[in-house]
Amino acid sequence: MIRRLTRDDHEPCFALLKTAPAENLFIIGDIESYGYDQDFQKVWGEFNHTGELIAVLLKYENNYIPYAVEDFDAKGFANIMEQDPEFYMMSGLKEITAKIEPFLQKSLVRKRETFYAKCINLHTTKAGASNVKEANVSDAERLVELLNHIPEFSDSIITVERKRRGLEDGSSRSFYIEEDGKMVSTASTAAENSMSAMVVGVATLEAYKKKGYATACMLKLCEELLQEGKELCLFYDNPAAGAIYKRIGFEDIGFWMMYTFAK
């Protein structure tokens, strides 16, 4: 049986989601921030024959994210999406979204697949650089300026305002290394919630690469979050970058899918 979830379902909902905090980063964060009954956000759950919650479907604006721990009613979830005139995006773990995809009738415009990795223990806490600093709100402009000088972030949508807001509300934190009077390397989190956080914006200026700076920023960031009991996750496309993350302590947990359908 599938039905809308309310605040009365919060305990069983989070009991399910916290079994995989990194995998459910976005669902956990959105529910903690906005609850179960907003115009732009709704949550459904599927219950098995014994009344146990086995799957969750979250709508945030135009995007739907499913999660399940066993076989679930993929067609039922697809029907919910199809009946929503605002729906044109779906994202989630590949093994779950792949079961829903065949039941969606909307024309597929784009499907992107990225590696998804998480870290629950660091392999090492030793880094070559010891001059890692934590950023505060006043550093937002310099952090964005640094990322704007990195080719890989040329299509980034990050702005000074968004970076400042994330540092203020605790949904993001950043560490950096300064040299020659400027920021030269950084690593940040995004979408932080009570159980997990995503590592983003790992970058070093070209002239300062191969000094272990990005690794030092990553280790400092990860160590702090793991000490708080949070799981870490990240997306990556490049296997070479993945190898660096795995040396630190990240392990692949599958693929994250992002679908865009015709409006």
Protein backbone atom coordinates (compact mmCIF):
# COMPACT_ATOMS: atom_id res chain seq x y z
CA MET A 1 0.00 0.00 0.00
CA ILE A 2 1.26 3.46 -0.96
CA ARG A 3 0.03 6.59 0.82
CA ARG A 4 1.11 10.12 1.63
CA LEU A 5 3.27 10.41 4.74
CA THR A 6 2.67 13.03 7.43
CA ARG A 7 4.59 14.20 10.48
CA ASP A 8 2.94 11.31 12.37
CA ASP A 9 5.00 8.95 10.17
CA HIS A 10 8.29 10.69 10.91
CA GLU A 11 9.67 8.03 13.26
CA PRO A 12 9.25 5.02 10.93
CA CYS A 13 10.29 7.15 7.95
CA PHE A 14 13.60 8.15 9.51
CA ALA A 15 14.13 4.66 10.93
CA LEU A 16 14.17 3.52 7.29
CA LEU A 17 16.24 6.41 5.92
CA LYS A 18 18.93 6.32 8.60
CA THR A 19 19.86 2.76 7.65
CA ALA A 20 21.65 4.43 4.71
CA PRO A 21 22.36 8.09 5.61
CA ALA A 22 24.71 8.80 2.72
CA GLU A 23 22.42 7.21 0.15
CA ASN A 24 19.48 9.23 1.50
CA LEU A 25 21.33 12.53 1.87
CA PHE A 26 18.81 14.58 -0.12
CA ILE A 27 15.65 12.98 1.26
CA ILE A 28 16.82 13.37 4.87
CA GLY A 29 17.90 16.98 4.35
CA ASP A 30 14.70 18.00 2.58
CA ILE A 31 12.43 16.43 5.21
CA GLU A 32 14.44 17.97 8.05
CA SER A 33 14.22 21.38 6.36
CA TYR A 34 10.65 21.38 5.01
CA GLY A 35 8.68 18.51 6.56
CA TYR A 36 5.87 16.56 4.95
CA ASP A 37 3.29 19.07 3.82
CA GLN A 38 4.51 21.92 1.64
CA ASP A 39 3.22 23.03 -1.75
CA PHE A 40 6.63 22.25 -3.23
CA GLN A 41 7.41 19.12 -1.18
CA LYS A 42 5.48 15.92 -0.49
CA VAL A 43 6.45 12.46 0.73
CA TRP A 44 4.86 9.07 0.02
CA GLY A 45 5.59 5.72 1.62
CA GLU A 46 4.91 2.11 0.69
CA PHE A 47 3.98 -0.31 3.48
CA ASN A 48 4.17 -4.10 3.20
CA HIS A 49 1.51 -6.55 4.36
CA THR A 50 2.73 -6.34 7.97
CA GLY A 51 2.54 -2.53 8.01
CA GLU A 52 6.29 -1.99 7.76
CA LEU A 53 7.54 0.97 5.73
CA ILE A 54 9.73 -0.38 2.92
CA ALA A 55 9.99 2.49 0.43
CA VAL A 56 9.85 6.29 0.31
CA LEU A 57 9.21 8.70 -2.54
CA LEU A 58 10.00 12.39 -2.04
CA LYS A 59 8.88 15.20 -4.32
CA TYR A 60 10.87 18.44 -4.12
CA GLU A 61 9.55 20.98 -6.63
CA ASN A 62 9.85 19.23 -10.04
CA ASN A 63 12.13 16.41 -8.92
CA TYR A 64 11.26 13.00 -7.42
CA ILE A 65 13.70 10.86 -5.41
CA PRO A 66 12.78 7.24 -4.52
CA TYR A 67 14.39 4.94 -1.98
CA ALA A 68 13.57 1.33 -1.09
CA VAL A 69 15.13 -1.48 0.92
CA GLU A 70 13.39 -4.36 -0.87
CA ASP A 71 11.12 -5.03 -3.83
CA PHE A 72 8.66 -2.16 -4.06
CA ASP A 73 5.75 -0.98 -6.19
CA ALA A 74 7.74 0.75 -8.92
CA LYS A 75 4.66 1.16 -11.10
CA GLY A 76 2.79 2.80 -8.21
CA PHE A 77 5.61 5.31 -7.71
CA ALA A 78 5.67 5.99 -11.47
CA ASN A 79 1.91 6.64 -11.45
CA ILE A 80 2.32 9.25 -8.70
CA MET A 81 4.93 11.05 -10.79
CA GLU A 82 2.97 10.83 -14.03
CA GLN A 83 -0.11 12.34 -12.39
CA ASP A 84 1.85 15.41 -11.32
CA PRO A 85 1.85 18.11 -14.05
CA GLU A 86 4.96 19.66 -12.46
CA PHE A 87 7.04 16.47 -12.75
CA TYR A 88 9.93 16.44 -15.19
CA MET A 89 12.91 15.19 -13.17
CA MET A 90 13.83 12.03 -11.26
CA SER A 91 17.06 11.24 -9.43
CA GLY A 92 18.29 8.48 -7.19
CA LEU A 93 20.29 5.28 -6.90
CA LYS A 94 20.45 3.41 -10.18
CA GLU A 95 19.13 0.10 -8.83
CA ILE A 96 15.97 1.89 -7.69
CA THR A 97 15.35 4.37 -10.51
CA ALA A 98 15.93 1.62 -13.09
CA LYS A 99 12.84 -0.20 -11.78
CA ILE A 100 10.66 2.91 -12.13
CA GLU A 101 11.96 4.07 -15.52
CA PRO A 102 10.06 1.49 -17.67
CA PHE A 103 6.72 2.69 -16.26
CA LEU A 104 7.27 6.38 -17.05
CA GLN A 105 5.52 7.50 -20.22
CA LYS A 106 7.02 10.99 -20.51
CA SER A 107 9.64 11.52 -23.21
CA LEU A 108 13.16 11.24 -21.83
CA VAL A 109 15.29 14.28 -22.69
CA ARG A 110 18.48 13.45 -20.78
CA LYS A 111 19.83 10.72 -18.52
CA ARG A 112 23.08 11.21 -16.64
CA GLU A 113 24.94 8.59 -14.61
CA THR A 114 27.69 9.39 -12.10
CA PHE A 115 29.66 7.33 -9.63
CA TYR A 116 28.39 7.63 -6.07
CA ALA A 117 30.78 7.01 -3.17
CA LYS A 118 30.61 7.30 0.60
CA CYS A 119 33.03 7.42 3.52
CA ILE A 120 32.39 6.18 7.04
CA ASN A 121 36.05 5.78 8.08
CA LEU A 122 39.23 7.51 6.93
CA HIS A 123 42.16 5.38 5.81
CA THR A 124 44.54 8.06 7.05
CA THR A 125 44.40 11.43 8.80
CA LYS A 126 47.93 12.41 7.84
CA ALA A 127 48.31 15.10 5.21
CA GLY A 128 51.35 16.88 3.85
CA ALA A 129 49.93 20.36 4.46
CA SER A 130 49.12 21.50 7.98
CA ASN A 131 47.99 25.05 7.21
CA VAL A 132 44.35 24.19 6.58
CA LYS A 133 41.85 26.80 7.76
CA GLU A 134 38.08 26.68 8.14
CA ALA A 135 36.20 29.31 6.17
CA ASN A 136 33.64 31.64 7.69
CA VAL A 137 30.90 33.74 6.12
CA SER A 138 33.30 36.56 5.27
CA ASP A 139 35.32 34.13 3.10
CA ALA A 140 32.41 33.36 0.74
CA GLU A 141 33.51 35.74 -2.01
CA ARG A 142 37.08 34.43 -2.06
CA LEU A 143 35.89 30.82 -2.13
CA VAL A 144 33.69 31.46 -5.15
CA GLU A 145 36.47 33.42 -6.85
CA LEU A 146 38.80 30.43 -6.39
CA LEU A 147 36.30 28.01 -7.92
CA ASN A 148 35.70 30.39 -10.84
CA HIS A 149 39.39 30.06 -11.73
CA ILE A 150 39.16 26.24 -11.98
CA PRO A 151 38.21 24.96 -15.47
CA GLU A 152 36.24 21.99 -14.07
CA PHE A 153 33.89 24.44 -12.34
CA SER A 154 33.28 26.65 -15.37
CA ASP A 155 29.61 25.59 -15.53
CA SER A 156 29.05 25.77 -11.76
CA ILE A 157 25.90 27.51 -10.53
CA ILE A 158 27.46 28.50 -7.21
CA THR A 159 27.18 32.18 -6.36
CA VAL A 160 28.58 34.28 -3.54
CA GLU A 161 25.07 34.65 -2.13
CA ARG A 162 24.45 30.88 -2.10
CA LYS A 163 27.87 30.17 -0.62
CA ARG A 164 27.34 32.77 2.09
CA ARG A 165 23.88 31.40 2.89
CA GLY A 166 25.20 27.83 3.18
CA LEU A 167 27.95 28.89 5.57
CA GLU A 168 25.43 30.85 7.63
CA ASP A 169 22.72 28.18 7.96
CA GLY A 170 25.09 25.24 8.50
CA SER A 171 24.15 23.35 5.34
CA SER A 172 27.70 23.87 4.08
CA ARG A 173 31.21 24.27 5.45
CA SER A 174 34.52 24.86 3.70
CA PHE A 175 38.20 24.42 4.42
CA TYR A 176 40.99 26.05 2.47
CA ILE A 177 44.73 26.63 2.17
CA GLU A 178 46.19 30.06 1.63
CA GLU A 179 49.51 30.79 -0.03
CA ASP A 180 51.04 33.94 -1.47
CA GLY A 181 48.21 35.92 0.09
CA LYS A 182 45.39 34.10 -1.71
CA MET A 183 43.25 30.97 -1.44
CA VAL A 184 44.81 28.25 -3.56
CA SER A 185 42.96 25.06 -2.55
CA THR A 186 39.64 24.16 -0.98
CA ALA A 187 37.10 21.44 -0.17
CA SER A 188 33.52 21.96 0.95
CA THR A 189 30.31 20.22 1.93
CA ALA A 190 26.80 20.81 0.69
CA ALA A 191 23.35 19.57 1.69
CA GLU A 192 24.48 18.83 5.25
CA ASN A 193 21.85 17.29 7.50
CA SER A 194 21.86 15.62 10.91
CA MET A 195 23.20 12.32 9.53
CA SER A 196 25.20 12.98 6.37
CA ALA A 197 26.85 15.53 4.07
CA MET A 198 28.06 15.72 0.49
CA VAL A 199 31.65 16.68 -0.35
CA VAL A 200 31.82 19.21 -3.19
CA GLY A 201 34.07 21.88 -4.62
CA VAL A 202 37.39 20.06 -4.21
CA ALA A 203 39.76 22.28 -6.16
CA THR A 204 43.32 23.61 -6.40
CA LEU A 205 44.72 26.35 -8.60
CA GLU A 206 46.89 24.92 -11.39
CA ALA A 207 50.13 26.54 -10.17
CA TYR A 208 49.70 24.94 -6.71
CA LYS A 209 48.82 21.39 -7.67
CA LYS A 210 50.80 18.27 -6.70
CA LYS A 211 51.50 19.60 -3.21
CA GLY A 212 48.83 17.57 -1.46
CA TYR A 213 46.73 20.64 -0.73
CA ALA A 214 43.36 19.28 -1.91
CA THR A 215 43.94 16.05 0.00
CA ALA A 216 44.78 18.03 3.14
CA CYS A 217 41.57 20.06 2.83
CA MET A 218 39.54 16.90 2.21
CA LEU A 219 41.04 15.10 5.21
CA LYS A 220 40.39 18.00 7.55
CA LEU A 221 36.81 18.32 6.29
CA CYS A 222 36.07 14.59 6.47
CA GLU A 223 37.69 14.13 9.86
CA GLU A 224 35.54 16.86 11.40
CA LEU A 225 32.29 15.51 9.96
CA LEU A 226 33.01 11.88 10.82
CA GLN A 227 33.74 12.92 14.41
CA GLU A 228 30.23 14.39 14.45
CA GLY A 229 28.85 10.98 13.46
CA LYS A 230 27.94 11.95 9.90
CA GLU A 231 28.46 9.84 6.80
CA LEU A 232 30.07 11.53 3.80
CA CYS A 233 29.24 11.05 0.15
CA LEU A 234 30.25 12.48 -3.20
CA PHE A 235 29.66 12.19 -6.92
CA TYR A 236 32.46 11.76 -9.43
CA ASP A 237 32.71 11.16 -13.17
CA ASN A 238 36.45 10.71 -13.57
CA PRO A 239 37.85 7.33 -12.37
CA ALA A 240 41.23 9.02 -11.76
CA ALA A 241 39.57 11.40 -9.30
CA GLY A 242 37.76 8.42 -7.81
CA ALA A 243 41.08 6.74 -7.10
CA ILE A 244 42.19 9.76 -5.04
CA TYR A 245 38.98 9.70 -3.01
CA LYS A 246 39.33 5.96 -2.41
CA ARG A 247 42.83 6.40 -0.99
CA ILE A 248 41.30 8.69 1.63
CA GLY A 249 38.54 6.24 2.57
CA PHE A 250 35.64 6.59 0.12
CA GLU A 251 34.03 3.46 -1.30
CA ASP A 252 31.70 3.18 -4.28
CA ILE A 253 28.07 2.52 -3.36
CA GLY A 254 26.71 2.48 -6.89
CA PHE A 255 25.60 5.03 -9.44
CA TRP A 256 23.47 8.13 -8.99
CA MET A 257 21.04 8.78 -11.83
CA MET A 258 19.60 12.10 -12.94
CA TYR A 259 16.74 12.01 -15.44
CA THR A 260 15.20 14.97 -17.25
CA PHE A 261 11.89 14.48 -19.05
CA ALA A 262 9.97 16.66 -21.47
CA LYS A 263 7.87 19.31 -19.73
